[in-house]
All heavy atoms as atom14 arrays in JSON, in Angstrom:
{
  "sequence": "MAFAAYETHMKTKAKLAKANAGAGEAEAAAMRSELTALKDRVRVLEKI",
  "atom14_mask": [
    [1, 1, 1, 1, 1, 1, 1, 1, 0, 0, 0, 0, 0, 0],
    [1, 1, 1, 1, 1, 0, 0, 0, 0, 0, 0, 0, 0, 0],
    [1, 1, 1, 1, 1, 1, 1, 1, 1, 1, 1, 0, 0, 0],
    [1, 1, 1, 1, 1, 0, 0, 0, 0, 0, 0, 0, 0, 0],
    [1, 1, 1, 1, 1, 0, 0, 0, 0, 0, 0, 0, 0, 0],
    [1, 1, 1, 1, 1, 1, 1, 1, 1, 1, 1, 1, 0, 0],
    [1, 1, 1, 1, 1, 1, 1, 1, 1, 0, 0, 0, 0, 0],
    [1, 1, 1, 1, 1, 1, 1, 0, 0, 0, 0, 0, 0, 0],
    [1, 1, 1, 1, 1, 1, 1, 1, 1, 1, 0, 0, 0, 0],
    [1, 1, 1, 1, 1, 1, 1, 1, 0, 0, 0, 0, 0, 0],
    [1, 1, 1, 1, 1, 1, 1, 1, 1, 0, 0, 0, 0, 0],
    [1, 1, 1, 1, 1, 1, 1, 0, 0, 0, 0, 0, 0, 0],
    [1, 1, 1, 1, 1, 1, 1, 1, 1, 0, 0, 0, 0, 0],
    [1, 1, 1, 1, 1, 0, 0, 0, 0, 0, 0, 0, 0, 0],
    [1, 1, 1, 1, 1, 1, 1, 1, 1, 0, 0, 0, 0, 0],
    [1, 1, 1, 1, 1, 1, 1, 1, 0, 0, 0, 0, 0, 0],
    [1, 1, 1, 1, 1, 0, 0, 0, 0, 0, 0, 0, 0, 0],
    [1, 1, 1, 1, 1, 1, 1, 1, 1, 0, 0, 0, 0, 0],
    [1, 1, 1, 1, 1, 0, 0, 0, 0, 0, 0, 0, 0, 0],
    [1, 1, 1, 1, 1, 1, 1, 1, 0, 0, 0, 0, 0, 0],
    [1, 1, 1, 1, 1, 0, 0, 0, 0, 0, 0, 0, 0, 0],
    [1, 1, 1, 1, 0, 0, 0, 0, 0, 0, 0, 0, 0, 0],
    [1, 1, 1, 1, 1, 0, 0, 0, 0, 0, 0, 0, 0, 0],
    [1, 1, 1, 1, 0, 0, 0, 0, 0, 0, 0, 0, 0, 0],
    [1, 1, 1, 1, 1, 1, 1, 1, 1, 0, 0, 0, 0, 0],
    [1, 1, 1, 1, 1, 0, 0, 0, 0, 0, 0, 0, 0, 0],
    [1, 1, 1, 1, 1, 1, 1, 1, 1, 0, 0, 0, 0, 0],
    [1, 1, 1, 1, 1, 0, 0, 0, 0, 0, 0, 0, 0, 0],
    [1, 1, 1, 1, 1, 0, 0, 0, 0, 0, 0, 0, 0, 0],
    [1, 1, 1, 1, 1, 0, 0, 0, 0, 0, 0, 0, 0, 0],
    [1, 1, 1, 1, 1, 1, 1, 1, 0, 0, 0, 0, 0, 0],
    [1, 1, 1, 1, 1, 1, 1, 1, 1, 1, 1, 0, 0, 0],
    [1, 1, 1, 1, 1, 1, 0, 0, 0, 0, 0, 0, 0, 0],
    [1, 1, 1, 1, 1, 1, 1, 1, 1, 0, 0, 0, 0, 0],
    [1, 1, 1, 1, 1, 1, 1, 1, 0, 0, 0, 0, 0, 0],
    [1, 1, 1, 1, 1, 1, 1, 0, 0, 0, 0, 0, 0, 0],
    [1, 1, 1, 1, 1, 0, 0, 0, 0, 0, 0, 0, 0, 0],
    [1, 1, 1, 1, 1, 1, 1, 1, 0, 0, 0, 0, 0, 0],
    [1, 1, 1, 1, 1, 1, 1, 1, 1, 0, 0, 0, 0, 0],
    [1, 1, 1, 1, 1, 1, 1, 1, 0, 0, 0, 0, 0, 0],
    [1, 1, 1, 1, 1, 1, 1, 1, 1, 1, 1, 0, 0, 0],
    [1, 1, 1, 1, 1, 1, 1, 0, 0, 0, 0, 0, 0, 0],
    [1, 1, 1, 1, 1, 1, 1, 1, 1, 1, 1, 0, 0, 0],
    [1, 1, 1, 1, 1, 1, 1, 0, 0, 0, 0, 0, 0, 0],
    [1, 1, 1, 1, 1, 1, 1, 1, 0, 0, 0, 0, 0, 0],
    [1, 1, 1, 1, 1, 1, 1, 1, 1, 0, 0, 0, 0, 0],
    [1, 1, 1, 1, 1, 1, 1, 1, 1, 0, 0, 0, 0, 0],
    [1, 1, 1, 1, 1, 1, 1, 1, 0, 0, 0, 0, 0, 0]
  ],
  "atom14_positions": [
    [[-17.57, -43.39, -93.59], [-18.05, -42.07, -93.96], [-18.4, -41.21, -92.65], [-18.11, -40.01, -92.64], [-19.28, -42.14, -94.92], [-18.93, -42.78, -96.27], [-17.74, -41.88, -97.16], [-18.74, -40.43, -97.7], [0.0, 0.0, 0.0], [0.0, 0.0, 0.0], [0.0, 0.0, 0.0], [0.0, 0.0, 0.0], [0.0, 0.0, 0.0], [0.0, 0.0, 0.0]],
    [[-18.99, -41.88, -91.69], [-19.26, -41.17, -90.51], [-18.0, -40.74, -89.8], [-17.88, -39.61, -89.24], [-20.16, -42.04, -89.58], [0.0, 0.0, 0.0], [0.0, 0.0, 0.0], [0.0, 0.0, 0.0], [0.0, 0.0, 0.0], [0.0, 0.0, 0.0], [0.0, 0.0, 0.0], [0.0, 0.0, 0.0], [0.0, 0.0, 0.0], [0.0, 0.0, 0.0]],
    [[-16.95, -41.64, -89.74], [-15.76, -41.17, -89.16], [-15.06, -40.01, -89.88], [-14.52, -39.12, -89.28], [-14.77, -42.39, -89.09], [-13.42, -42.1, -88.53], [-13.3, -41.91, -87.15], [-12.32, -42.01, -89.31], [-12.03, -41.6, -86.58], [-11.1, -41.61, -88.81], [-10.96, -41.51, -87.38], [0.0, 0.0, 0.0], [0.0, 0.0, 0.0], [0.0, 0.0, 0.0]],
    [[-15.12, -40.07, -91.23], [-14.49, -39.03, -91.99], [-15.27, -37.72, -91.78], [-14.57, -36.61, -91.63], [-14.5, -39.38, -93.48], [0.0, 0.0, 0.0], [0.0, 0.0, 0.0], [0.0, 0.0, 0.0], [0.0, 0.0, 0.0], [0.0, 0.0, 0.0], [0.0, 0.0, 0.0], [0.0, 0.0, 0.0], [0.0, 0.0, 0.0], [0.0, 0.0, 0.0]],
    [[-16.53, -37.75, -91.65], [-17.35, -36.54, -91.36], [-17.01, -35.99, -90.02], [-16.84, -34.74, -89.81], [-18.79, -36.84, -91.49], [0.0, 0.0, 0.0], [0.0, 0.0, 0.0], [0.0, 0.0, 0.0], [0.0, 0.0, 0.0], [0.0, 0.0, 0.0], [0.0, 0.0, 0.0], [0.0, 0.0, 0.0], [0.0, 0.0, 0.0], [0.0, 0.0, 0.0]],
    [[-16.91, -36.88, -88.99], [-16.56, -36.47, -87.6], [-15.13, -35.83, -87.58], [-14.95, -34.82, -87.0], [-16.63, -37.67, -86.71], [-16.22, -37.34, -85.28], [-17.04, -36.63, -84.47], [-14.98, -37.77, -84.77], [-16.7, -36.31, -83.16], [-14.63, -37.45, -83.54], [-15.45, -36.75, -82.68], [-15.06, -36.42, -81.41], [0.0, 0.0, 0.0], [0.0, 0.0, 0.0]],
    [[-14.21, -36.41, -88.27], [-12.81, -35.91, -88.27], [-12.84, -34.55, -89.03], [-12.16, -33.55, -88.47], [-11.94, -36.92, -89.07], [-10.44, -36.51, -89.07], [-9.61, -37.54, -89.66], [-10.11, -38.31, -90.6], [-8.44, -37.61, -89.41], [0.0, 0.0, 0.0], [0.0, 0.0, 0.0], [0.0, 0.0, 0.0], [0.0, 0.0, 0.0], [0.0, 0.0, 0.0]],
    [[-13.53, -34.35, -90.06], [-13.61, -33.07, -90.72], [-14.25, -32.04, -89.76], [-13.78, -30.86, -89.76], [-14.43, -33.15, -91.99], [-13.8, -34.08, -92.86], [-14.48, -31.84, -92.79], [0.0, 0.0, 0.0], [0.0, 0.0, 0.0], [0.0, 0.0, 0.0], [0.0, 0.0, 0.0], [0.0, 0.0, 0.0], [0.0, 0.0, 0.0], [0.0, 0.0, 0.0]],
    [[-15.28, -32.4, -89.09], [-15.91, -31.53, -88.13], [-14.93, -31.07, -86.99], [-14.87, -29.87, -86.64], [-17.15, -32.23, -87.52], [-17.75, -31.54, -86.38], [-18.49, -30.34, -86.49], [-17.68, -31.78, -85.09], [-18.84, -29.91, -85.34], [-18.4, -30.76, -84.41], [0.0, 0.0, 0.0], [0.0, 0.0, 0.0], [0.0, 0.0, 0.0], [0.0, 0.0, 0.0]],
    [[-14.17, -32.0, -86.45], [-13.26, -31.68, -85.46], [-12.13, -30.71, -85.98], [-11.7, -29.81, -85.21], [-12.65, -32.97, -84.81], [-13.68, -33.76, -84.1], [-14.6, -32.88, -82.85], [-13.33, -32.65, -81.61], [0.0, 0.0, 0.0], [0.0, 0.0, 0.0], [0.0, 0.0, 0.0], [0.0, 0.0, 0.0], [0.0, 0.0, 0.0], [0.0, 0.0, 0.0]],
    [[-11.61, -30.94, -87.16], [-10.61, -30.13, -87.71], [-11.13, -28.66, -87.83], [-10.49, -27.68, -87.56], [-10.14, -30.65, -89.01], [-9.21, -31.8, -88.91], [-8.74, -32.32, -90.24], [-7.85, -33.59, -90.14], [-7.46, -34.13, -91.44], [0.0, 0.0, 0.0], [0.0, 0.0, 0.0], [0.0, 0.0, 0.0], [0.0, 0.0, 0.0], [0.0, 0.0, 0.0]],
    [[-12.38, -28.5, -88.39], [-12.97, -27.3, -88.63], [-13.19, -26.55, -87.23], [-12.98, -25.34, -87.2], [-14.32, -27.4, -89.36], [-14.11, -28.08, -90.52], [-14.97, -26.12, -89.6], [0.0, 0.0, 0.0], [0.0, 0.0, 0.0], [0.0, 0.0, 0.0], [0.0, 0.0, 0.0], [0.0, 0.0, 0.0], [0.0, 0.0, 0.0], [0.0, 0.0, 0.0]],
    [[-13.67, -27.3, -86.29], [-13.86, -26.73, -84.98], [-12.57, -26.2, -84.35], [-12.49, -25.14, -83.68], [-14.48, -27.83, -84.01], [-14.95, -27.31, -82.73], [-15.62, -28.38, -81.97], [-16.11, -27.96, -80.59], [-16.74, -29.07, -79.88], [0.0, 0.0, 0.0], [0.0, 0.0, 0.0], [0.0, 0.0, 0.0], [0.0, 0.0, 0.0], [0.0, 0.0, 0.0]],
    [[-11.47, -26.95, -84.57], [-10.15, -26.53, -84.04], [-9.64, -25.27, -84.7], [-9.11, -24.34, -84.17], [-9.18, -27.54, -84.21], [0.0, 0.0, 0.0], [0.0, 0.0, 0.0], [0.0, 0.0, 0.0], [0.0, 0.0, 0.0], [0.0, 0.0, 0.0], [0.0, 0.0, 0.0], [0.0, 0.0, 0.0], [0.0, 0.0, 0.0], [0.0, 0.0, 0.0]],
    [[-9.85, -25.18, -86.06], [-9.51, -23.97, -86.84], [-10.26, -22.76, -86.32], [-9.71, -21.67, -86.21], [-9.73, -24.17, -88.34], [-8.75, -25.06, -89.01], [-8.97, -25.22, -90.46], [-8.02, -26.17, -91.02], [-8.24, -26.38, -92.5], [0.0, 0.0, 0.0], [0.0, 0.0, 0.0], [0.0, 0.0, 0.0], [0.0, 0.0, 0.0], [0.0, 0.0, 0.0]],
    [[-11.57, -22.96, -86.14], [-12.44, -21.83, -85.62], [-11.96, -21.36, -84.29], [-11.97, -20.15, -83.94], [-13.91, -22.18, -85.66], [-14.52, -22.37, -87.04], [-16.0, -22.84, -86.86], [-14.54, -21.01, -87.76], [0.0, 0.0, 0.0], [0.0, 0.0, 0.0], [0.0, 0.0, 0.0], [0.0, 0.0, 0.0], [0.0, 0.0, 0.0], [0.0, 0.0, 0.0]],
    [[-11.66, -22.26, -83.39], [-11.25, -21.93, -82.1], [-9.91, -21.2, -82.12], [-9.71, -20.19, -81.42], [-11.05, -23.22, -81.16], [0.0, 0.0, 0.0], [0.0, 0.0, 0.0], [0.0, 0.0, 0.0], [0.0, 0.0, 0.0], [0.0, 0.0, 0.0], [0.0, 0.0, 0.0], [0.0, 0.0, 0.0], [0.0, 0.0, 0.0], [0.0, 0.0, 0.0]],
    [[-9.01, -21.6, -83.05], [-7.73, -20.89, -83.15], [-8.01, -19.46, -83.73], [-7.33, -18.52, -83.29], [-6.82, -21.69, -84.06], [-5.39, -21.3, -84.04], [-4.52, -22.25, -84.89], [-3.12, -22.04, -84.67], [-2.31, -22.97, -85.49], [0.0, 0.0, 0.0], [0.0, 0.0, 0.0], [0.0, 0.0, 0.0], [0.0, 0.0, 0.0], [0.0, 0.0, 0.0]],
    [[-8.87, -19.37, -84.65], [-9.1, -18.0, -85.28], [-9.82, -17.1, -84.23], [-9.48, -15.87, -84.14], [-10.02, -18.2, -86.48], [0.0, 0.0, 0.0], [0.0, 0.0, 0.0], [0.0, 0.0, 0.0], [0.0, 0.0, 0.0], [0.0, 0.0, 0.0], [0.0, 0.0, 0.0], [0.0, 0.0, 0.0], [0.0, 0.0, 0.0], [0.0, 0.0, 0.0]],
    [[-10.71, -17.66, -83.42], [-11.36, -16.89, -82.39], [-10.41, -16.44, -81.35], [-10.51, -15.3, -80.8], [-12.56, -17.61, -81.8], [-13.68, -17.74, -82.67], [-13.83, -16.92, -83.64], [-14.57, -18.67, -82.47], [0.0, 0.0, 0.0], [0.0, 0.0, 0.0], [0.0, 0.0, 0.0], [0.0, 0.0, 0.0], [0.0, 0.0, 0.0], [0.0, 0.0, 0.0]],
    [[-9.4, -17.22, -81.04], [-8.45, -16.84, -80.02], [-7.58, -15.61, -80.59], [-7.39, -14.68, -79.73], [-7.54, -18.02, -79.74], [0.0, 0.0, 0.0], [0.0, 0.0, 0.0], [0.0, 0.0, 0.0], [0.0, 0.0, 0.0], [0.0, 0.0, 0.0], [0.0, 0.0, 0.0], [0.0, 0.0, 0.0], [0.0, 0.0, 0.0], [0.0, 0.0, 0.0]],
    [[-7.2, -15.68, -81.76], [-6.54, -14.5, -82.34], [-7.43, -13.3, -82.46], [-6.9, -12.14, -82.17], [0.0, 0.0, 0.0], [0.0, 0.0, 0.0], [0.0, 0.0, 0.0], [0.0, 0.0, 0.0], [0.0, 0.0, 0.0], [0.0, 0.0, 0.0], [0.0, 0.0, 0.0], [0.0, 0.0, 0.0], [0.0, 0.0, 0.0], [0.0, 0.0, 0.0]],
    [[-8.66, -13.43, -82.74], [-9.6, -12.33, -82.78], [-9.83, -11.75, -81.4], [-9.98, -10.56, -81.2], [-10.88, -12.76, -83.38], [0.0, 0.0, 0.0], [0.0, 0.0, 0.0], [0.0, 0.0, 0.0], [0.0, 0.0, 0.0], [0.0, 0.0, 0.0], [0.0, 0.0, 0.0], [0.0, 0.0, 0.0], [0.0, 0.0, 0.0], [0.0, 0.0, 0.0]],
    [[-9.86, -12.66, -80.39], [-9.97, -12.18, -79.0], [-8.82, -11.32, -78.63], [-9.07, -10.27, -77.93], [0.0, 0.0, 0.0], [0.0, 0.0, 0.0], [0.0, 0.0, 0.0], [0.0, 0.0, 0.0], [0.0, 0.0, 0.0], [0.0, 0.0, 0.0], [0.0, 0.0, 0.0], [0.0, 0.0, 0.0], [0.0, 0.0, 0.0], [0.0, 0.0, 0.0]],
    [[-7.62, -11.67, -78.95], [-6.41, -10.82, -78.63], [-6.55, -9.48, -79.36], [-6.24, -8.46, -78.72], [-5.17, -11.57, -79.06], [-4.91, -12.84, -78.14], [-3.73, -13.62, -78.65], [-2.92, -13.09, -79.54], [-3.53, -14.79, -78.2], [0.0, 0.0, 0.0], [0.0, 0.0, 0.0], [0.0, 0.0, 0.0], [0.0, 0.0, 0.0], [0.0, 0.0, 0.0]],
    [[-6.91, -9.49, -80.58], [-7.04, -8.2, -81.33], [-8.16, -7.39, -80.75], [-8.02, -6.16, -80.56], [-7.33, -8.48, -82.79], [0.0, 0.0, 0.0], [0.0, 0.0, 0.0], [0.0, 0.0, 0.0], [0.0, 0.0, 0.0], [0.0, 0.0, 0.0], [0.0, 0.0, 0.0], [0.0, 0.0, 0.0], [0.0, 0.0, 0.0], [0.0, 0.0, 0.0]],
    [[-9.24, -8.02, -80.35], [-10.33, -7.27, -79.79], [-9.87, -6.65, -78.43], [-10.31, -5.45, -78.07], [-11.59, -8.18, -79.55], [-12.76, -7.47, -79.07], [-13.96, -8.39, -78.97], [-13.91, -9.47, -79.47], [-14.9, -8.04, -78.24], [0.0, 0.0, 0.0], [0.0, 0.0, 0.0], [0.0, 0.0, 0.0], [0.0, 0.0, 0.0], [0.0, 0.0, 0.0]],
    [[-9.12, -7.39, -77.64], [-8.64, -6.9, -76.34], [-7.74, -5.73, -76.48], [-7.79, -4.75, -75.8], [-7.99, -8.0, -75.53], [0.0, 0.0, 0.0], [0.0, 0.0, 0.0], [0.0, 0.0, 0.0], [0.0, 0.0, 0.0], [0.0, 0.0, 0.0], [0.0, 0.0, 0.0], [0.0, 0.0, 0.0], [0.0, 0.0, 0.0], [0.0, 0.0, 0.0]],
    [[-6.9, -5.77, -77.52], [-5.96, -4.67, -77.83], [-6.79, -3.43, -78.26], [-6.51, -2.31, -77.82], [-4.97, -5.05, -78.89], [0.0, 0.0, 0.0], [0.0, 0.0, 0.0], [0.0, 0.0, 0.0], [0.0, 0.0, 0.0], [0.0, 0.0, 0.0], [0.0, 0.0, 0.0], [0.0, 0.0, 0.0], [0.0, 0.0, 0.0], [0.0, 0.0, 0.0]],
    [[-7.8, -3.63, -79.02], [-8.68, -2.47, -79.46], [-9.44, -1.9, -78.28], [-9.46, -0.65, -78.17], [-9.63, -2.97, -80.52], [0.0, 0.0, 0.0], [0.0, 0.0, 0.0], [0.0, 0.0, 0.0], [0.0, 0.0, 0.0], [0.0, 0.0, 0.0], [0.0, 0.0, 0.0], [0.0, 0.0, 0.0], [0.0, 0.0, 0.0], [0.0, 0.0, 0.0]],
    [[-9.83, -2.73, -77.38], [-10.51, -2.28, -76.17], [-9.6, -1.46, -75.24], [-9.88, -0.47, -74.69], [-11.18, -3.42, -75.38], [-12.39, -4.02, -76.14], [-12.94, -5.5, -75.29], [-14.16, -4.69, -74.22], [0.0, 0.0, 0.0], [0.0, 0.0, 0.0], [0.0, 0.0, 0.0], [0.0, 0.0, 0.0], [0.0, 0.0, 0.0], [0.0, 0.0, 0.0]],
    [[-8.35, -1.96, -75.11], [-7.37, -1.24, -74.32], [-7.08, 0.15, -74.97], [-6.98, 1.16, -74.23], [-6.06, -2.06, -74.17], [-6.04, -3.13, -73.21], [-4.72, -3.67, -72.87], [-4.18, -4.45, -73.93], [-4.4, -5.78, -74.12], [-5.24, -6.4, -73.3], [-3.93, -6.38, -75.15], [0.0, 0.0, 0.0], [0.0, 0.0, 0.0], [0.0, 0.0, 0.0]],
    [[-6.97, 0.2, -76.24], [-6.67, 1.41, -76.97], [-7.94, 2.39, -76.74], [-7.69, 3.56, -76.42], [-6.56, 1.22, -78.41], [-6.45, 2.38, -79.19], [0.0, 0.0, 0.0], [0.0, 0.0, 0.0], [0.0, 0.0, 0.0], [0.0, 0.0, 0.0], [0.0, 0.0, 0.0], [0.0, 0.0, 0.0], [0.0, 0.0, 0.0], [0.0, 0.0, 0.0]],
    [[-9.08, 1.93, -76.88], [-10.28, 2.69, -76.63], [-10.39, 3.23, -75.24], [-10.71, 4.42, -74.96], [-11.54, 1.9, -77.01], [-12.79, 2.71, -76.93], [-13.99, 1.93, -77.37], [-13.88, 0.81, -77.68], [-15.17, 2.54, -77.27], [0.0, 0.0, 0.0], [0.0, 0.0, 0.0], [0.0, 0.0, 0.0], [0.0, 0.0, 0.0], [0.0, 0.0, 0.0]],
    [[-10.01, 2.35, -74.26], [-10.07, 2.77, -72.86], [-9.0, 3.87, -72.58], [-9.36, 4.88, -71.88], [-9.65, 1.54, -71.95], [-9.67, 1.8, -70.44], [-11.07, 2.28, -69.9], [-9.22, 0.55, -69.74], [0.0, 0.0, 0.0], [0.0, 0.0, 0.0], [0.0, 0.0, 0.0], [0.0, 0.0, 0.0], [0.0, 0.0, 0.0], [0.0, 0.0, 0.0]],
    [[-7.76, 3.82, -73.2], [-6.94, 4.84, -73.04], [-7.33, 6.16, -73.6], [-7.25, 7.24, -72.97], [-5.49, 4.5, -73.75], [-5.05, 3.18, -73.17], [-4.54, 5.51, -73.55], [0.0, 0.0, 0.0], [0.0, 0.0, 0.0], [0.0, 0.0, 0.0], [0.0, 0.0, 0.0], [0.0, 0.0, 0.0], [0.0, 0.0, 0.0], [0.0, 0.0, 0.0]],
    [[-7.97, 6.11, -74.76], [-8.58, 7.26, -75.42], [-9.65, 7.91, -74.5], [-9.73, 9.12, -74.35], [-9.1, 7.03, -76.84], [0.0, 0.0, 0.0], [0.0, 0.0, 0.0], [0.0, 0.0, 0.0], [0.0, 0.0, 0.0], [0.0, 0.0, 0.0], [0.0, 0.0, 0.0], [0.0, 0.0, 0.0], [0.0, 0.0, 0.0], [0.0, 0.0, 0.0]],
    [[-10.52, 7.02, -73.94], [-11.59, 7.54, -73.13], [-11.09, 8.19, -71.8], [-11.54, 9.22, -71.41], [-12.5, 6.42, -72.77], [-13.4, 5.94, -73.93], [-14.21, 4.7, -73.57], [-14.31, 7.07, -74.37], [0.0, 0.0, 0.0], [0.0, 0.0, 0.0], [0.0, 0.0, 0.0], [0.0, 0.0, 0.0], [0.0, 0.0, 0.0], [0.0, 0.0, 0.0]],
    [[-10.03, 7.64, -71.26], [-9.36, 8.17, -70.01], [-8.83, 9.5, -70.41], [-8.96, 10.46, -69.6], [-8.24, 7.31, -69.51], [-8.81, 6.08, -68.77], [-7.7, 5.26, -68.29], [-8.16, 3.98, -67.48], [-7.09, 3.14, -66.91], [0.0, 0.0, 0.0], [0.0, 0.0, 0.0], [0.0, 0.0, 0.0], [0.0, 0.0, 0.0], [0.0, 0.0, 0.0]],
    [[-8.17, 9.69, -71.53], [-7.73, 11.06, -71.95], [-8.8, 11.99, -72.06], [-8.73, 13.19, -71.69], [-6.9, 10.89, -73.25], [-5.59, 10.09, -73.09], [-5.08, 10.03, -71.96], [-5.04, 9.67, -74.1], [0.0, 0.0, 0.0], [0.0, 0.0, 0.0], [0.0, 0.0, 0.0], [0.0, 0.0, 0.0], [0.0, 0.0, 0.0], [0.0, 0.0, 0.0]],
    [[-9.9, 11.56, -72.68], [-11.03, 12.49, -72.87], [-11.68, 12.94, -71.43], [-11.96, 14.11, -71.28], [-12.18, 11.85, -73.71], [-11.71, 11.61, -75.14], [-12.83, 11.02, -75.94], [-13.91, 11.94, -76.12], [-15.1, 11.71, -76.69], [-15.2, 10.37, -77.18], [-16.05, 12.45, -76.76], [0.0, 0.0, 0.0], [0.0, 0.0, 0.0], [0.0, 0.0, 0.0]],
    [[-11.68, 12.02, -70.55], [-12.17, 12.31, -69.24], [-11.29, 13.31, -68.48], [-11.7, 14.3, -67.9], [-12.32, 11.05, -68.33], [-12.55, 11.38, -66.91], [-13.47, 10.23, -68.86], [0.0, 0.0, 0.0], [0.0, 0.0, 0.0], [0.0, 0.0, 0.0], [0.0, 0.0, 0.0], [0.0, 0.0, 0.0], [0.0, 0.0, 0.0], [0.0, 0.0, 0.0]],
    [[-9.97, 13.18, -68.75], [-9.02, 14.13, -68.1], [-9.25, 15.47, -68.67], [-9.32, 16.55, -67.96], [-7.55, 13.74, -68.41], [-7.07, 12.67, -67.41], [-5.49, 12.51, -67.6], [-5.23, 11.1, -67.18], [-4.9, 10.17, -68.02], [-4.87, 10.32, -69.3], [-4.69, 8.99, -67.51], [0.0, 0.0, 0.0], [0.0, 0.0, 0.0], [0.0, 0.0, 0.0]],
    [[-9.46, 15.59, -70.01], [-9.68, 16.91, -70.65], [-11.04, 17.5, -70.09], [-11.02, 18.7, -69.78], [-9.71, 16.76, -72.17], [-10.25, 18.0, -72.82], [-8.35, 16.35, -72.69], [0.0, 0.0, 0.0], [0.0, 0.0, 0.0], [0.0, 0.0, 0.0], [0.0, 0.0, 0.0], [0.0, 0.0, 0.0], [0.0, 0.0, 0.0], [0.0, 0.0, 0.0]],
    [[-12.07, 16.68, -70.02], [-13.3, 17.18, -69.5], [-13.22, 17.67, -68.05], [-13.81, 18.72, -67.72], [-14.42, 16.12, -69.66], [-14.82, 15.76, -71.08], [-15.74, 14.66, -71.13], [-15.46, 17.03, -71.71], [0.0, 0.0, 0.0], [0.0, 0.0, 0.0], [0.0, 0.0, 0.0], [0.0, 0.0, 0.0], [0.0, 0.0, 0.0], [0.0, 0.0, 0.0]],
    [[-12.52, 16.91, -67.21], [-12.36, 17.32, -65.82], [-11.58, 18.65, -65.75], [-11.87, 19.52, -65.0], [-11.59, 16.28, -65.04], [-12.29, 15.03, -64.84], [-11.5, 13.94, -64.14], [-10.27, 14.05, -64.15], [-12.1, 13.05, -63.61], [0.0, 0.0, 0.0], [0.0, 0.0, 0.0], [0.0, 0.0, 0.0], [0.0, 0.0, 0.0], [0.0, 0.0, 0.0]],
    [[-10.6, 18.78, -66.7], [-9.83, 20.1, -66.67], [-10.77, 21.26, -67.02], [-10.78, 22.36, -66.5], [-8.71, 20.01, -67.65], [-7.7, 21.15, -67.61], [-6.52, 20.94, -68.49], [-5.67, 22.12, -68.47], [-4.39, 21.91, -69.3], [0.0, 0.0, 0.0], [0.0, 0.0, 0.0], [0.0, 0.0, 0.0], [0.0, 0.0, 0.0], [0.0, 0.0, 0.0]],
    [[-11.61, 21.0, -68.1], [-12.54, 22.04, -68.55], [-13.47, 22.45, -67.38], [-13.75, 23.69, -67.1], [-13.28, 21.62, -69.8], [-12.34, 21.54, -70.97], [-14.46, 22.59, -70.06], [-12.96, 20.85, -72.17], [0.0, 0.0, 0.0], [0.0, 0.0, 0.0], [0.0, 0.0, 0.0], [0.0, 0.0, 0.0], [0.0, 0.0, 0.0], [0.0, 0.0, 0.0]]
  ]
}
């Protein structure tokens, strides 16, 4: 029973790590998009 619980724990941990890696990529893409938008706003403000 202890081995089965440990194996389940390790599988769950691996799934969470995989999900977090995908979320990290999505978050990085969102941050890049936001950075581009902010740079555009700064250009407009500098022009004004």
